[in-house]
Amino acid sequence: MNALGLLMVASRLNNEDCAVSRADGRFNDVSCGSVRQYACYSTSANQWNITSGSGTWAGGDNVCEQEFGTAYRYDVPKNGYQNRRLMDQKTAEGISGDIWLNYSDTANEGDWVPGDFPQIILPDTTQPIVYKKLRNDKGKCLDLEGRSTSNGTEIHQWSCHGADSQLWYQDDTGRIHSKADTSKCIDVSGGGSGNGSRIVLWSCHGGDNQRWVRGSSNSFRPVHATNKALDIKDPFWGDGQRAHLWGFHGGKSQRWSWD
């Protein structure tokens, strides 16, 4: 039986739902409330780092960002090569004990998935439609440039004021409608999937470039490119910085909360 199979059996027997990397590089399931260091990975640098701080399984996103910056995220090796790199980093840092991996079956017993695995979180369709602001962790709201509702209008961040241009609703297919014109939705222009693809307002059509799923760190991912996230270009510069698509990193410009 492989490591994943052992994890599934042990988890069912012991209610241990979160994964660690053992000293021998194999995965093991333990209680999510125990305390360990975290494995953090940078896609751009192709590098693992291990936090000096420790905590329970759920705290990995914050600790990785605090110690290594937004280029690193709490992660799990996706293949044998990445696992070998993680083992080499543990050896280089003199770490012989278990460390947390962003891998669990907390959502469905026996269904082991990475922590950033996108899941659709849809509104309760039995309740009246309520339009809300979408605020990022920079404190800015998703807004329509010039409050225009024309197809192709740029979507950007702006200081939150609650006008219709900043109010949104996600329907049961994942589309995000604008209250300023409820027939228009947040759209990845041209169905692009590369870094920097423009995010605009467009007539709702139900294509995968208008359907958004939730990933880790409160990110929104387009169904046609779930490794990318709704992001703000240079969010530090404030009002008017445009929305675009970017590789998921879990930073403040990719964390969106309904407000």
C-alpha atoms as a PDB file:
ATOM      1  CA  MET A   1       0.000   0.000   0.000  1.00  0.00           C
ATOM      2  CA  ASN A   2       1.343   3.469  -0.897  1.00  0.00           C
ATOM      3  CA  ALA A   3       1.685   6.431   1.468  1.00  0.00           C
ATOM      4  CA  LEU A   4      -1.649   7.909   0.433  1.00  0.00           C
ATOM      5  CA  GLY A   5      -3.404   4.593   1.040  1.00  0.00           C
ATOM      6  CA  LEU A   6      -1.881   4.338   4.501  1.00  0.00           C
ATOM      7  CA  LEU A   7      -2.978   7.893   5.231  1.00  0.00           C
ATOM      8  CA  MET A   8      -6.556   7.125   4.242  1.00  0.00           C
ATOM      9  CA  VAL A   9      -6.770   3.998   6.400  1.00  0.00           C
ATOM     10  CA  ALA A  10      -5.145   5.613   9.436  1.00  0.00           C
ATOM     11  CA  SER A  11      -7.307   8.708   9.146  1.00  0.00           C
ATOM     12  CA  ARG A  12     -10.502   6.686   9.186  1.00  0.00           C
ATOM     13  CA  LEU A  13      -9.355   4.743  12.242  1.00  0.00           C
ATOM     14  CA  ASN A  14      -7.904   7.580  14.301  1.00  0.00           C
ATOM     15  CA  ASN A  15      -9.655  10.736  13.096  1.00  0.00           C
ATOM     16  CA  GLU A  16      -6.262  12.156  12.152  1.00  0.00           C
ATOM     17  CA  ASP A  17      -6.975  14.445   9.235  1.00  0.00           C
ATOM     18  CA  CYS A  18      -3.805  16.485   8.563  1.00  0.00           C
ATOM     19  CA  ALA A  19      -0.554  15.426   6.915  1.00  0.00           C
ATOM     20  CA  VAL A  20       3.062  15.757   7.970  1.00  0.00           C
ATOM     21  CA  SER A  21       6.326  14.917   6.242  1.00  0.00           C
ATOM     22  CA  ARG A  22       8.225  12.379   8.311  1.00  0.00           C
ATOM     23  CA  ALA A  23      11.984  12.107   8.698  1.00  0.00           C
ATOM     24  CA  ASP A  24      12.055   9.465   5.915  1.00  0.00           C
ATOM     25  CA  GLY A  25      10.085  11.684   3.504  1.00  0.00           C
ATOM     26  CA  ARG A  26       6.860   9.713   3.720  1.00  0.00           C
ATOM     27  CA  PHE A  27       3.567  11.366   4.566  1.00  0.00           C
ATOM     28  CA  ASN A  28       1.811  10.582   7.828  1.00  0.00           C
ATOM     29  CA  ASP A  29      -1.554  11.653   9.207  1.00  0.00           C
ATOM     30  CA  VAL A  30      -1.781  13.246  12.650  1.00  0.00           C
ATOM     31  CA  SER A  31      -4.221  15.328  14.669  1.00  0.00           C
ATOM     32  CA  CYS A  32      -4.659  18.796  13.111  1.00  0.00           C
ATOM     33  CA  GLY A  33      -4.400  20.394  16.556  1.00  0.00           C
ATOM     34  CA  SER A  34      -0.855  19.271  17.265  1.00  0.00           C
ATOM     35  CA  VAL A  35       2.030  21.735  16.891  1.00  0.00           C
ATOM     36  CA  ARG A  36       4.766  21.591  14.234  1.00  0.00           C
ATOM     37  CA  GLN A  37       6.788  23.722  11.813  1.00  0.00           C
ATOM     38  CA  TYR A  38       5.476  24.325   8.270  1.00  0.00           C
ATOM     39  CA  ALA A  39       6.684  23.473   4.751  1.00  0.00           C
ATOM     40  CA  CYS A  40       6.622  26.574   2.501  1.00  0.00           C
ATOM     41  CA  TYR A  41       7.243  26.589  -1.260  1.00  0.00           C
ATOM     42  CA  SER A  42       8.035  29.299  -3.817  1.00  0.00           C
ATOM     43  CA  THR A  43       6.980  28.421  -7.365  1.00  0.00           C
ATOM     44  CA  SER A  44       9.093  31.191  -8.882  1.00  0.00           C
ATOM     45  CA  ALA A  45      12.254  30.152  -7.015  1.00  0.00           C
ATOM     46  CA  ASN A  46      11.478  26.406  -7.100  1.00  0.00           C
ATOM     47  CA  GLN A  47      12.591  26.370  -3.472  1.00  0.00           C
ATOM     48  CA  TRP A  48      11.314  24.948  -0.192  1.00  0.00           C
ATOM     49  CA  ASN A  49      11.790  26.676   3.145  1.00  0.00           C
ATOM     50  CA  ILE A  50      10.752  25.477   6.578  1.00  0.00           C
ATOM     51  CA  THR A  51       9.482  27.923   9.152  1.00  0.00           C
ATOM     52  CA  SER A  52      11.236  28.456  12.448  1.00  0.00           C
ATOM     53  CA  GLY A  53       7.837  29.189  13.987  1.00  0.00           C
ATOM     54  CA  SER A  54       5.359  26.420  14.646  1.00  0.00           C
ATOM     55  CA  GLY A  55       1.668  25.988  15.321  1.00  0.00           C
ATOM     56  CA  THR A  56      -1.388  23.914  14.468  1.00  0.00           C
ATOM     57  CA  TRP A  57      -2.002  22.725  10.913  1.00  0.00           C
ATOM     58  CA  ALA A  58      -4.376  25.553   9.950  1.00  0.00           C
ATOM     59  CA  GLY A  59      -1.849  28.336  10.678  1.00  0.00           C
ATOM     60  CA  GLY A  60       0.555  27.575   7.860  1.00  0.00           C
ATOM     61  CA  ASP A  61      -0.514  30.272   5.377  1.00  0.00           C
ATOM     62  CA  ASN A  62       0.104  33.088   7.826  1.00  0.00           C
ATOM     63  CA  VAL A  63       3.397  31.775   9.212  1.00  0.00           C
ATOM     64  CA  CYS A  64       4.868  31.088   5.749  1.00  0.00           C
ATOM     65  CA  GLU A  65       4.026  34.618   4.594  1.00  0.00           C
ATOM     66  CA  GLN A  66       5.285  36.240   7.795  1.00  0.00           C
ATOM     67  CA  GLU A  67       8.659  34.491   7.641  1.00  0.00           C
ATOM     68  CA  PHE A  68       9.364  34.331   3.898  1.00  0.00           C
ATOM     69  CA  GLY A  69       7.061  36.844   2.180  1.00  0.00           C
ATOM     70  CA  THR A  70       4.282  36.459  -0.353  1.00  0.00           C
ATOM     71  CA  ALA A  71       6.422  34.479  -2.824  1.00  0.00           C
ATOM     72  CA  TYR A  72       6.207  31.501  -0.467  1.00  0.00           C
ATOM     73  CA  ARG A  73       3.040  29.651   0.387  1.00  0.00           C
ATOM     74  CA  TYR A  74       2.125  26.772   2.659  1.00  0.00           C
ATOM     75  CA  ASP A  75       2.274  23.735   0.367  1.00  0.00           C
ATOM     76  CA  VAL A  76       2.657  19.999  -0.194  1.00  0.00           C
ATOM     77  CA  PRO A  77       5.000  18.260  -2.687  1.00  0.00           C
ATOM     78  CA  LYS A  78       3.062  17.425  -5.861  1.00  0.00           C
ATOM     79  CA  ASN A  79       5.528  14.816  -7.169  1.00  0.00           C
ATOM     80  CA  GLY A  80       8.615  12.804  -6.241  1.00  0.00           C
ATOM     81  CA  TYR A  81      11.012  15.514  -7.405  1.00  0.00           C
ATOM     82  CA  GLN A  82       9.411  18.164  -5.178  1.00  0.00           C
ATOM     83  CA  ASN A  83       9.390  15.736  -2.257  1.00  0.00           C
ATOM     84  CA  ARG A  84      13.129  15.105  -2.750  1.00  0.00           C
ATOM     85  CA  ARG A  85      13.774  18.854  -2.752  1.00  0.00           C
ATOM     86  CA  LEU A  86      11.838  19.207   0.482  1.00  0.00           C
ATOM     87  CA  MET A  87      13.838  16.384   2.054  1.00  0.00           C
ATOM     88  CA  ASP A  88      17.081  18.046   0.976  1.00  0.00           C
ATOM     89  CA  GLN A  89      15.936  21.310   2.596  1.00  0.00           C
ATOM     90  CA  LYS A  90      15.069  19.520   5.840  1.00  0.00           C
ATOM     91  CA  THR A  91      18.540  17.989   5.853  1.00  0.00           C
ATOM     92  CA  ALA A  92      20.186  21.343   5.115  1.00  0.00           C
ATOM     93  CA  GLU A  93      18.333  22.931   8.048  1.00  0.00           C
ATOM     94  CA  GLY A  94      19.046  20.023  10.378  1.00  0.00           C
ATOM     95  CA  ILE A  95      15.370  19.164  10.851  1.00  0.00           C
ATOM     96  CA  SER A  96      14.765  15.529  11.704  1.00  0.00           C
ATOM     97  CA  GLY A  97      11.204  15.711  13.048  1.00  0.00           C
ATOM     98  CA  ASP A  98       7.830  15.888  11.329  1.00  0.00           C
ATOM     99  CA  ILE A  99       6.722  19.121   9.611  1.00  0.00           C
ATOM    100  CA  TRP A 100       3.274  20.195   8.468  1.00  0.00           C
ATOM    101  CA  LEU A 101       2.211  19.805   4.839  1.00  0.00           C
ATOM    102  CA  ASN A 102      -0.777  21.655   3.369  1.00  0.00           C
ATOM    103  CA  TYR A 103      -2.637  18.398   2.742  1.00  0.00           C
ATOM    104  CA  SER A 104      -5.685  17.038   4.544  1.00  0.00           C
ATOM    105  CA  ASP A 105      -8.986  15.186   4.374  1.00  0.00           C
ATOM    106  CA  THR A 106     -10.789  17.602   6.690  1.00  0.00           C
ATOM    107  CA  ALA A 107     -13.511  18.338   4.097  1.00  0.00           C
ATOM    108  CA  ASN A 108     -14.380  14.725   3.269  1.00  0.00           C
ATOM    109  CA  GLU A 109     -13.014  11.770   5.210  1.00  0.00           C
ATOM    110  CA  GLY A 110     -10.608   9.781   3.036  1.00  0.00           C
ATOM    111  CA  ASP A 111     -10.507  12.428   0.274  1.00  0.00           C
ATOM    112  CA  TRP A 112      -6.974  13.859   0.605  1.00  0.00           C
ATOM    113  CA  VAL A 113      -6.462  17.165  -1.212  1.00  0.00           C
ATOM    114  CA  PRO A 114      -3.956  20.058  -1.069  1.00  0.00           C
ATOM    115  CA  GLY A 115      -5.079  22.991   1.038  1.00  0.00           C
ATOM    116  CA  ASP A 116      -5.313  25.278  -2.012  1.00  0.00           C
ATOM    117  CA  PHE A 117      -7.537  22.843  -3.938  1.00  0.00           C
ATOM    118  CA  PRO A 118     -10.313  25.041  -5.357  1.00  0.00           C
ATOM    119  CA  GLN A 119     -13.839  24.395  -4.131  1.00  0.00           C
ATOM    120  CA  ILE A 120     -17.009  26.102  -5.261  1.00  0.00           C
ATOM    121  CA  ILE A 121     -18.673  27.929  -2.367  1.00  0.00           C
ATOM    122  CA  LEU A 122     -22.023  29.076  -3.666  1.00  0.00           C
ATOM    123  CA  PRO A 123     -24.671  31.266  -2.069  1.00  0.00           C
ATOM    124  CA  ASP A 124     -27.784  29.834  -0.474  1.00  0.00           C
ATOM    125  CA  THR A 125     -30.297  30.039  -3.312  1.00  0.00           C
ATOM    126  CA  THR A 126     -33.234  29.798  -0.911  1.00  0.00           C
ATOM    127  CA  GLN A 127     -32.435  33.275   0.428  1.00  0.00           C
ATOM    128  CA  PRO A 128     -33.062  36.641  -1.294  1.00  0.00           C
ATOM    129  CA  ILE A 129     -30.207  37.976  -3.421  1.00  0.00           C
ATOM    130  CA  VAL A 130     -27.989  40.322  -1.431  1.00  0.00           C
ATOM    131  CA  TYR A 131     -25.314  42.346  -3.198  1.00  0.00           C
ATOM    132  CA  LYS A 132     -22.152  42.936  -1.145  1.00  0.00           C
ATOM    133  CA  LYS A 133     -18.755  44.570  -1.455  1.00  0.00           C
ATOM    134  CA  LEU A 134     -15.697  42.420  -2.219  1.00  0.00           C
ATOM    135  CA  ARG A 135     -12.860  43.732  -0.051  1.00  0.00           C
ATOM    136  CA  ASN A 136      -9.241  42.592  -0.329  1.00  0.00           C
ATOM    137  CA  ASP A 137      -6.752  42.429   2.527  1.00  0.00           C
ATOM    138  CA  LYS A 138      -5.296  45.768   1.419  1.00  0.00           C
ATOM    139  CA  GLY A 139      -8.614  47.283   2.556  1.00  0.00           C
ATOM    140  CA  LYS A 140      -9.764  48.196  -0.961  1.00  0.00           C
ATOM    141  CA  CYS A 141     -12.953  47.135  -2.760  1.00  0.00           C
ATOM    142  CA  LEU A 142     -13.486  45.700  -6.221  1.00  0.00           C
ATOM    143  CA  ASP A 143     -14.980  48.512  -8.314  1.00  0.00           C
ATOM    144  CA  LEU A 144     -15.913  49.499 -11.877  1.00  0.00           C
ATOM    145  CA  GLU A 145     -13.721  52.136 -13.522  1.00  0.00           C
ATOM    146  CA  GLY A 146     -15.735  55.339 -13.860  1.00  0.00           C
ATOM    147  CA  ARG A 147     -18.782  53.388 -12.622  1.00  0.00           C
ATOM    148  CA  SER A 148     -19.323  52.388 -16.260  1.00  0.00           C
ATOM    149  CA  THR A 149     -21.327  49.259 -17.142  1.00  0.00           C
ATOM    150  CA  SER A 150     -20.177  48.945 -20.761  1.00  0.00           C
ATOM    151  CA  ASN A 151     -18.690  45.664 -21.936  1.00  0.00           C
ATOM    152  CA  GLY A 152     -14.944  45.773 -21.430  1.00  0.00           C
ATOM    153  CA  THR A 153     -15.007  48.214 -18.494  1.00  0.00           C
ATOM    154  CA  GLU A 154     -11.873  47.742 -16.412  1.00  0.00           C
ATOM    155  CA  ILE A 155     -12.377  46.367 -12.920  1.00  0.00           C
ATOM    156  CA  HIS A 156     -10.011  47.850 -10.352  1.00  0.00           C
ATOM    157  CA  GLN A 157      -9.590  48.440  -6.630  1.00  0.00           C
ATOM    158  CA  TRP A 158     -10.908  51.590  -4.966  1.00  0.00           C
ATOM    159  CA  SER A 159     -11.542  52.899  -1.477  1.00  0.00           C
ATOM    160  CA  CYS A 160     -14.745  51.248  -0.263  1.00  0.00           C
ATOM    161  CA  HIS A 161     -17.846  53.451  -0.559  1.00  0.00           C
ATOM    162  CA  GLY A 162     -20.669  50.983  -1.225  1.00  0.00           C
ATOM    163  CA  ALA A 163     -22.095  52.452  -4.432  1.00  0.00           C
ATOM    164  CA  ASP A 164     -23.635  50.005  -6.925  1.00  0.00           C
ATOM    165  CA  SER A 165     -20.320  49.850  -8.821  1.00  0.00           C
ATOM    166  CA  GLN A 166     -18.817  48.102  -5.776  1.00  0.00           C
ATOM    167  CA  LEU A 167     -21.659  45.683  -5.071  1.00  0.00           C
ATOM    168  CA  TRP A 168     -21.563  42.096  -6.347  1.00  0.00           C
ATOM    169  CA  TYR A 169     -23.454  38.831  -6.123  1.00  0.00           C
ATOM    170  CA  GLN A 170     -22.267  35.300  -6.947  1.00  0.00           C
ATOM    171  CA  ASP A 171     -24.948  33.091  -8.488  1.00  0.00           C
ATOM    172  CA  ASP A 172     -25.283  29.317  -8.263  1.00  0.00           C
ATOM    173  CA  THR A 173     -23.069  28.771 -11.340  1.00  0.00           C
ATOM    174  CA  GLY A 174     -20.156  30.765  -9.910  1.00  0.00           C
ATOM    175  CA  ARG A 175     -20.685  33.946 -11.964  1.00  0.00           C
ATOM    176  CA  ILE A 176     -20.237  37.258 -10.099  1.00  0.00           C
ATOM    177  CA  HIS A 177     -22.842  39.854 -11.151  1.00  0.00           C
ATOM    178  CA  SER A 178     -22.568  43.632 -10.777  1.00  0.00           C
ATOM    179  CA  LYS A 179     -25.441  45.434  -9.072  1.00  0.00           C
ATOM    180  CA  ALA A 180     -24.826  48.384 -11.406  1.00  0.00           C
ATOM    181  CA  ASP A 181     -26.018  46.126 -14.251  1.00  0.00           C
ATOM    182  CA  THR A 182     -27.116  42.687 -13.135  1.00  0.00           C
ATOM    183  CA  SER A 183     -26.782  41.296 -16.672  1.00  0.00           C
ATOM    184  CA  LYS A 184     -23.014  41.927 -16.545  1.00  0.00           C
ATOM    185  CA  CYS A 185     -20.416  39.695 -14.826  1.00  0.00           C
ATOM    186  CA  ILE A 186     -16.761  39.671 -13.824  1.00  0.00           C
ATOM    187  CA  ASP A 187     -14.913  38.227 -16.810  1.00  0.00           C
ATOM    188  CA  VAL A 188     -11.352  37.224 -17.720  1.00  0.00           C
ATOM    189  CA  SER A 189     -10.955  39.134 -20.974  1.00  0.00           C
ATOM    190  CA  GLY A 190     -10.748  36.903 -24.026  1.00  0.00           C
ATOM    191  CA  GLY A 191     -10.627  33.813 -21.832  1.00  0.00           C
ATOM    192  CA  GLY A 192      -6.952  34.511 -21.181  1.00  0.00           C
ATOM    193  CA  SER A 193      -5.088  32.302 -18.735  1.00  0.00           C
ATOM    194  CA  GLY A 194      -1.697  33.991 -18.564  1.00  0.00           C
ATOM    195  CA  ASN A 195      -0.342  36.263 -15.867  1.00  0.00           C
ATOM    196  CA  GLY A 196      -1.648  39.784 -16.440  1.00  0.00           C
ATOM    197  CA  SER A 197      -4.845  38.794 -18.257  1.00  0.00           C
ATOM    198  CA  ARG A 198      -7.314  41.679 -17.832  1.00  0.00           C
ATOM    199  CA  ILE A 199     -10.351  41.390 -15.573  1.00  0.00           C
ATOM    200  CA  VAL A 200     -13.311  43.273 -17.038  1.00  0.00           C
ATOM    201  CA  LEU A 201     -17.087  43.597 -16.933  1.00  0.00           C
ATOM    202  CA  TRP A 202     -18.889  41.683 -19.683  1.00  0.00           C
ATOM    203  CA  SER A 203     -22.345  40.416 -20.536  1.00  0.00           C
ATOM    204  CA  CYS A 204     -22.945  37.239 -18.551  1.00  0.00           C
ATOM    205  CA  HIS A 205     -22.617  34.147 -20.736  1.00  0.00           C
ATOM    206  CA  GLY A 206     -21.643  31.314 -18.393  1.00  0.00           C
ATOM    207  CA  GLY A 207     -18.288  30.483 -19.969  1.00  0.00           C
ATOM    208  CA  ASP A 208     -15.599  29.106 -17.683  1.00  0.00           C
ATOM    209  CA  ASN A 209     -13.788  32.461 -17.772  1.00  0.00           C
ATOM    210  CA  GLN A 210     -16.796  33.907 -15.883  1.00  0.00           C
ATOM    211  CA  ARG A 211     -17.187  31.116 -13.344  1.00  0.00           C
ATOM    212  CA  TRP A 212     -15.194  31.627 -10.148  1.00  0.00           C
ATOM    213  CA  VAL A 213     -14.317  29.074  -7.473  1.00  0.00           C
ATOM    214  CA  ARG A 214     -12.843  29.617  -4.040  1.00  0.00           C
ATOM    215  CA  GLY A 215      -9.311  28.473  -3.247  1.00  0.00           C
ATOM    216  CA  SER A 216      -7.153  28.833  -0.163  1.00  0.00           C
ATOM    217  CA  SER A 217      -6.490  32.258   1.399  1.00  0.00           C
ATOM    218  CA  ASN A 218      -9.969  33.426   0.279  1.00  0.00           C
ATOM    219  CA  SER A 219      -8.810  33.547  -3.329  1.00  0.00           C
ATOM    220  CA  PHE A 220     -11.095  33.510  -6.374  1.00  0.00           C
ATOM    221  CA  ARG A 221      -9.956  31.223  -9.226  1.00  0.00           C
ATOM    222  CA  PRO A 222     -11.472  31.139 -12.744  1.00  0.00           C
ATOM    223  CA  VAL A 223     -12.661  27.662 -13.685  1.00  0.00           C
ATOM    224  CA  HIS A 224     -10.670  27.707 -16.942  1.00  0.00           C
ATOM    225  CA  ALA A 225      -7.389  28.394 -15.069  1.00  0.00           C
ATOM    226  CA  THR A 226      -7.630  27.332 -11.419  1.00  0.00           C
ATOM    227  CA  ASN A 227      -3.899  27.820 -10.838  1.00  0.00           C
ATOM    228  CA  LYS A 228      -4.468  31.567 -11.323  1.00  0.00           C
ATOM    229  CA  ALA A 229      -6.252  33.993  -8.995  1.00  0.00           C
ATOM    230  CA  LEU A 230      -8.097  37.301  -9.123  1.00  0.00           C
ATOM    231  CA  ASP A 231      -5.372  39.777  -8.194  1.00  0.00           C
ATOM    232  CA  ILE A 232      -4.616  43.509  -8.132  1.00  0.00           C
ATOM    233  CA  LYS A 233      -1.639  44.845 -10.080  1.00  0.00           C
ATOM    234  CA  ASP A 234       0.697  46.782  -7.767  1.00  0.00           C
ATOM    235  CA  PRO A 235      -1.922  47.045  -4.982  1.00  0.00           C
ATOM    236  CA  PHE A 236       0.428  49.145  -2.851  1.00  0.00           C
ATOM    237  CA  TRP A 237      -0.246  52.151  -5.092  1.00  0.00           C
ATOM    238  CA  GLY A 238      -3.885  52.373  -4.043  1.00  0.00           C
ATOM    239  CA  ASP A 239      -7.042  53.561  -5.787  1.00  0.00           C
ATOM    240  CA  GLY A 240      -7.340  52.763  -9.475  1.00  0.00           C
ATOM    241  CA  GLN A 241      -4.899  49.846  -9.614  1.00  0.00           C
ATOM    242  CA  ARG A 242      -6.485  47.412 -12.046  1.00  0.00           C
ATOM    243  CA  ALA A 243      -7.518  43.819 -11.461  1.00  0.00           C
ATOM    244  CA  HIS A 244      -5.801  41.101 -13.418  1.00  0.00           C
ATOM    245  CA  LEU A 245      -5.170  37.368 -13.359  1.00  0.00           C
ATOM    246  CA  TRP A 246      -1.991  36.154 -11.656  1.00  0.00           C
ATOM    247  CA  GLY A 247      -0.459  32.931 -10.416  1.00  0.00           C
ATOM    248  CA  PHE A 248      -1.808  32.116  -6.960  1.00  0.00           C
ATOM    249  CA  HIS A 249       0.464  33.259  -4.124  1.00  0.00           C
ATOM    250  CA  GLY A 250      -2.029  33.920  -1.330  1.00  0.00           C
ATOM    251  CA  GLY A 251      -0.918  37.506  -0.707  1.00  0.00           C
ATOM    252  CA  LYS A 252      -3.175  40.313   0.452  1.00  0.00           C
ATOM    253  CA  SER A 253      -4.069  41.398  -3.086  1.00  0.00           C
ATOM    254  CA  GLN A 254      -5.568  37.932  -3.746  1.00  0.00           C
ATOM    255  CA  ARG A 255      -7.563  37.577  -0.527  1.00  0.00           C
ATOM    256  CA  TRP A 256     -11.206  38.597  -1.013  1.00  0.00           C
ATOM    257  CA  SER A 257     -13.936  38.753   1.598  1.00  0.00           C
ATOM    258  CA  TRP A 258     -17.626  39.511   1.211  1.00  0.00           C
ATOM    259  CA  ASP A 259     -18.412  42.661   3.153  1.00  0.00           C
END
